[in-house]
Amino acid sequence: MVLRRLSTVWPDLSGRDVLGYGYCYPFLTPYLDSAKRVVLAMPGAMGGIAQRSSRGVMTCLTESTALPFEDAQFDSILVAHGAEEAPLLPELLAELWRITRPEGRIIIIASSRSGLWARSDRSPFGSGRPFSRNQLKSVVSDAGFIPTIWSGALYIPPLKMFTGNTVLNVVETCGETVWPRFSGLVLVEAIKRLYAEPSGNVREKIKRPIFTPAPIGKSASRQ
């Protein structure tokens, strides 16, 4: 269900340099053949799994506040299982902003505060701190990114009886239209822009031109 939403936001990453922070291998697997480069950065506290691609091992252990990449290295960055347990989330997002290219895009997948998956101890999204949409929007904006797209996934309860494909599709479709704010996960895409966009809340009063002719003086009228 996460891939279903991710493929809608990112249908194609051909020729792009892609970074996955956290545990992103299952979500980035469909892009391995088309992307120019895929790198998986896993926090040291989480531990690493040596995932391989056609170019060899693509996994590295990192510190969240000192990512081992030069500035503006990646076009697309995915964060999954990375924001909820980050000890210093603002510093992590500052590092991700640093290594994102101008006009590059980042997607953060995090457990939703209002969903059921964050309340289950057996769920992979049950550890760490969950986020509401407003909280995630706030931390992303504070890091300098501009949020562009919001989405949700996993409207089903975290129970095995709901794992059939038919049930999944029906519940996900109903959830997206009936109760979109009660998803198990929240996804936000944001863009790195180096120029300031005009605020939509600031309105300047437009001065209308005056077409009425100026009055003629008495002396001129007598002439």
Protein backbone atom coordinates (compact mmCIF):
# COMPACT_ATOMS: atom_id res chain seq x y z
CA MET A 1 0.00 0.00 0.00
CA VAL A 2 2.93 2.35 0.59
CA LEU A 3 4.34 1.55 -2.85
CA ARG A 4 0.91 2.24 -4.31
CA ARG A 5 1.00 5.80 -3.00
CA LEU A 6 4.72 6.29 -3.65
CA SER A 7 4.42 5.28 -7.30
CA THR A 8 1.65 7.84 -7.71
CA VAL A 9 3.83 10.69 -6.42
CA TRP A 10 7.06 9.41 -8.03
CA PRO A 11 6.02 7.46 -11.15
CA ASP A 12 9.48 7.62 -12.71
CA LEU A 13 12.98 8.32 -11.38
CA SER A 14 14.89 7.62 -14.57
CA GLY A 15 18.36 9.15 -14.61
CA ARG A 16 18.08 10.56 -11.09
CA ASP A 17 20.39 10.18 -8.10
CA VAL A 18 18.29 8.73 -5.28
CA LEU A 19 18.98 8.43 -1.55
CA GLY A 20 16.99 6.38 0.92
CA TYR A 21 17.45 7.29 4.59
CA GLY A 22 16.27 4.87 7.26
CA TYR A 23 15.03 1.53 5.95
CA CYS A 24 13.97 2.21 2.37
CA TYR A 25 15.03 -0.85 0.39
CA PRO A 26 11.50 -2.32 -0.08
CA PHE A 27 10.19 1.05 -1.28
CA LEU A 28 13.06 1.85 -3.68
CA THR A 29 13.38 -1.62 -5.26
CA PRO A 30 11.09 -0.75 -8.22
CA TYR A 31 13.41 2.16 -9.13
CA LEU A 32 16.72 0.26 -9.11
CA ASP A 33 16.79 -0.40 -12.85
CA SER A 34 15.73 3.08 -13.95
CA ALA A 35 17.46 5.41 -11.47
CA LYS A 36 20.97 6.58 -12.23
CA ARG A 37 22.13 5.76 -8.69
CA VAL A 38 20.45 4.51 -5.52
CA VAL A 39 22.19 4.81 -2.14
CA LEU A 40 20.75 3.51 1.14
CA ALA A 41 21.86 5.38 4.26
CA MET A 42 20.94 3.64 7.52
CA PRO A 43 21.36 5.27 10.96
CA GLY A 44 24.08 3.71 13.09
CA ALA A 45 21.64 2.99 15.93
CA MET A 46 19.40 1.05 13.54
CA GLY A 47 22.17 -1.10 12.10
CA GLY A 48 22.82 -1.90 8.48
CA ILE A 49 21.83 -4.59 6.01
CA ALA A 50 24.17 -5.07 3.04
CA GLN A 51 21.65 -4.64 0.23
CA ARG A 52 23.10 -5.09 -3.25
CA SER A 53 22.39 -3.72 -6.68
CA SER A 54 24.04 -4.27 -10.06
CA ARG A 55 26.78 -1.85 -8.95
CA GLY A 56 27.53 -3.72 -5.71
CA VAL A 57 26.68 -2.96 -2.09
CA MET A 58 24.61 0.22 -1.89
CA THR A 59 24.17 0.45 1.90
CA CYS A 60 26.19 2.57 4.32
CA LEU A 61 25.93 3.33 8.04
CA THR A 62 25.68 7.01 8.83
CA GLU A 63 25.29 9.53 11.61
CA SER A 64 22.07 11.49 11.32
CA THR A 65 23.79 14.83 11.93
CA ALA A 66 26.81 14.20 9.65
CA LEU A 67 25.81 12.45 6.44
CA PRO A 68 28.89 11.38 4.41
CA PHE A 69 27.85 13.11 1.18
CA GLU A 70 28.86 16.36 -0.49
CA ASP A 71 26.44 19.24 -0.94
CA ALA A 72 23.69 18.93 -3.56
CA GLN A 73 24.32 15.27 -4.43
CA PHE A 74 20.79 13.85 -4.79
CA ASP A 75 17.74 14.64 -6.91
CA SER A 76 15.30 12.54 -4.87
CA ILE A 77 15.43 11.53 -1.20
CA LEU A 78 13.10 9.10 0.56
CA VAL A 79 12.92 8.91 4.36
CA ALA A 80 11.18 5.85 5.84
CA HIS A 81 11.65 4.54 9.40
CA GLY A 82 13.99 7.48 9.82
CA ALA A 83 12.02 10.47 11.11
CA GLU A 84 10.20 8.74 13.99
CA GLU A 85 13.34 7.66 15.83
CA ALA A 86 15.72 10.48 14.89
CA PRO A 87 17.17 11.87 18.15
CA LEU A 88 17.78 15.25 16.52
CA LEU A 89 15.19 15.59 13.77
CA PRO A 90 15.84 19.28 12.89
CA GLU A 91 19.55 18.55 12.47
CA LEU A 92 18.77 15.50 10.31
CA LEU A 93 16.49 17.52 8.04
CA ALA A 94 19.13 20.23 7.80
CA GLU A 95 21.59 17.61 6.55
CA LEU A 96 19.06 16.26 4.06
CA TRP A 97 18.44 19.80 2.81
CA ARG A 98 22.20 20.26 2.37
CA ILE A 99 22.65 17.20 0.17
CA THR A 100 19.50 17.80 -1.91
CA ARG A 101 20.02 19.51 -5.25
CA PRO A 102 18.10 22.70 -6.05
CA GLU A 103 14.58 21.77 -7.19
CA GLY A 104 15.21 18.30 -5.76
CA ARG A 105 12.40 16.53 -3.94
CA ILE A 106 12.13 14.67 -0.66
CA ILE A 107 9.39 12.34 0.59
CA ILE A 108 9.02 11.55 4.29
CA ILE A 109 6.95 8.53 5.29
CA ALA A 110 6.07 8.52 8.99
CA SER A 111 3.53 6.87 11.26
CA SER A 112 0.39 8.92 11.74
CA ARG A 113 -0.57 10.09 15.21
CA SER A 114 -4.26 9.48 14.51
CA GLY A 115 -3.80 6.02 12.94
CA LEU A 116 -3.85 2.54 14.46
CA TRP A 117 -0.41 1.41 13.30
CA ALA A 118 1.39 3.75 15.70
CA ARG A 119 -0.50 2.11 18.60
CA SER A 120 0.53 -1.47 17.81
CA ASP A 121 3.65 -2.89 19.46
CA ARG A 122 3.92 -5.52 16.72
CA SER A 123 3.82 -2.97 13.93
CA PRO A 124 7.10 -1.78 12.34
CA PHE A 125 5.63 1.72 12.63
CA GLY A 126 4.80 1.30 16.33
CA SER A 127 8.15 2.58 17.67
CA GLY A 128 9.35 6.15 17.90
CA ARG A 129 7.15 9.23 17.81
CA PRO A 130 4.27 9.52 15.35
CA PHE A 131 3.35 12.75 13.57
CA SER A 132 0.21 14.58 12.64
CA ARG A 133 0.07 16.27 9.25
CA ASN A 134 0.55 19.69 10.80
CA GLN A 135 3.54 18.53 12.86
CA LEU A 136 5.25 16.99 9.85
CA LYS A 137 4.50 20.07 7.75
CA SER A 138 6.01 22.26 10.45
CA VAL A 139 9.32 20.39 10.75
CA VAL A 140 9.69 20.13 6.97
CA SER A 141 9.03 23.83 6.49
CA ASP A 142 11.41 24.79 9.30
CA ALA A 143 14.16 22.86 7.48
CA GLY A 144 13.73 25.03 4.38
CA PHE A 145 11.70 22.64 2.24
CA ILE A 146 8.40 23.65 0.65
CA PRO A 147 5.66 20.99 1.10
CA THR A 148 3.88 20.20 -2.17
CA ILE A 149 1.90 16.95 -1.85
CA TRP A 150 0.22 15.16 1.06
CA SER A 151 -0.98 11.58 1.03
CA GLY A 152 -1.87 8.71 3.35
CA ALA A 153 -1.56 4.93 3.36
CA LEU A 154 -2.48 1.90 5.49
CA TYR A 155 -6.06 2.59 6.45
CA ILE A 156 -6.55 -1.03 7.45
CA PRO A 157 -6.05 -2.11 11.09
CA PRO A 158 -2.72 -3.89 11.78
CA LEU A 159 -4.33 -7.35 11.76
CA LYS A 160 -3.56 -10.34 9.52
CA MET A 161 -7.25 -10.88 8.68
CA PHE A 162 -7.14 -7.70 6.58
CA THR A 163 -4.12 -8.63 4.44
CA GLY A 164 -6.01 -10.03 1.43
CA ASN A 165 -5.57 -8.05 -1.77
CA THR A 166 -9.30 -7.50 -2.26
CA VAL A 167 -9.82 -6.28 1.30
CA LEU A 168 -6.74 -4.06 1.09
CA ASN A 169 -7.86 -2.34 -2.09
CA VAL A 170 -11.41 -1.78 -0.86
CA VAL A 171 -10.34 -0.40 2.53
CA GLU A 172 -7.62 1.81 1.04
CA THR A 173 -10.01 3.28 -1.53
CA CYS A 174 -12.66 3.95 1.11
CA GLY A 175 -10.10 5.41 3.50
CA GLU A 176 -8.74 7.86 0.94
CA THR A 177 -12.22 9.22 0.23
CA VAL A 178 -14.12 8.85 3.54
CA TRP A 179 -11.58 9.27 6.38
CA PRO A 180 -8.30 10.51 4.84
CA ARG A 181 -6.92 11.84 8.14
CA PHE A 182 -7.08 8.43 9.86
CA SER A 183 -4.41 6.68 7.79
CA GLY A 184 -1.76 4.58 9.47
CA LEU A 185 0.98 6.46 7.65
CA VAL A 186 1.34 10.00 6.42
CA LEU A 187 3.45 10.90 3.38
CA VAL A 188 4.63 14.37 2.54
CA GLU A 189 6.61 15.44 -0.52
CA ALA A 190 8.57 18.68 -0.37
CA ILE A 191 10.84 20.55 -2.76
CA LYS A 192 14.10 22.42 -2.17
CA ARG A 193 13.90 25.91 -3.59
CA LEU A 194 16.63 28.51 -3.35
CA TYR A 195 14.36 31.47 -4.03
CA ALA A 196 11.46 32.80 -1.99
CA GLU A 197 7.98 32.25 -3.33
CA PRO A 198 5.50 35.12 -3.01
CA SER A 199 3.13 34.70 -0.11
CA GLY A 200 -0.49 34.17 -1.06
CA ASN A 201 -1.66 35.95 2.08
CA VAL A 202 -0.12 39.32 1.17
CA ARG A 203 -2.34 41.39 -1.06
CA GLU A 204 -1.35 44.76 -2.44
CA LYS A 205 -4.06 47.28 -3.13
CA ILE A 206 -4.25 48.00 -6.84
CA LYS A 207 -4.58 51.66 -7.69
CA ARG A 208 -7.16 52.37 -10.35
CA PRO A 209 -6.38 54.99 -13.01
CA ILE A 210 -8.52 58.15 -13.01
CA PHE A 211 -9.93 59.01 -16.42
CA THR A 212 -11.99 62.09 -15.33
CA PRO A 213 -10.62 65.24 -17.06
CA ALA A 214 -9.08 67.86 -14.82
CA PRO A 215 -11.34 70.89 -14.17
CA ILE A 216 -10.62 74.01 -16.27
CA GLY A 217 -9.89 77.24 -14.39
CA LYS A 218 -12.27 80.21 -14.55
CA SER A 219 -9.80 82.29 -16.49
CA ALA A 220 -9.40 79.61 -19.10
CA SER A 221 -13.18 79.18 -19.43
CA ARG A 222 -13.67 82.93 -20.14
CA GLN A 223 -11.15 82.75 -22.95
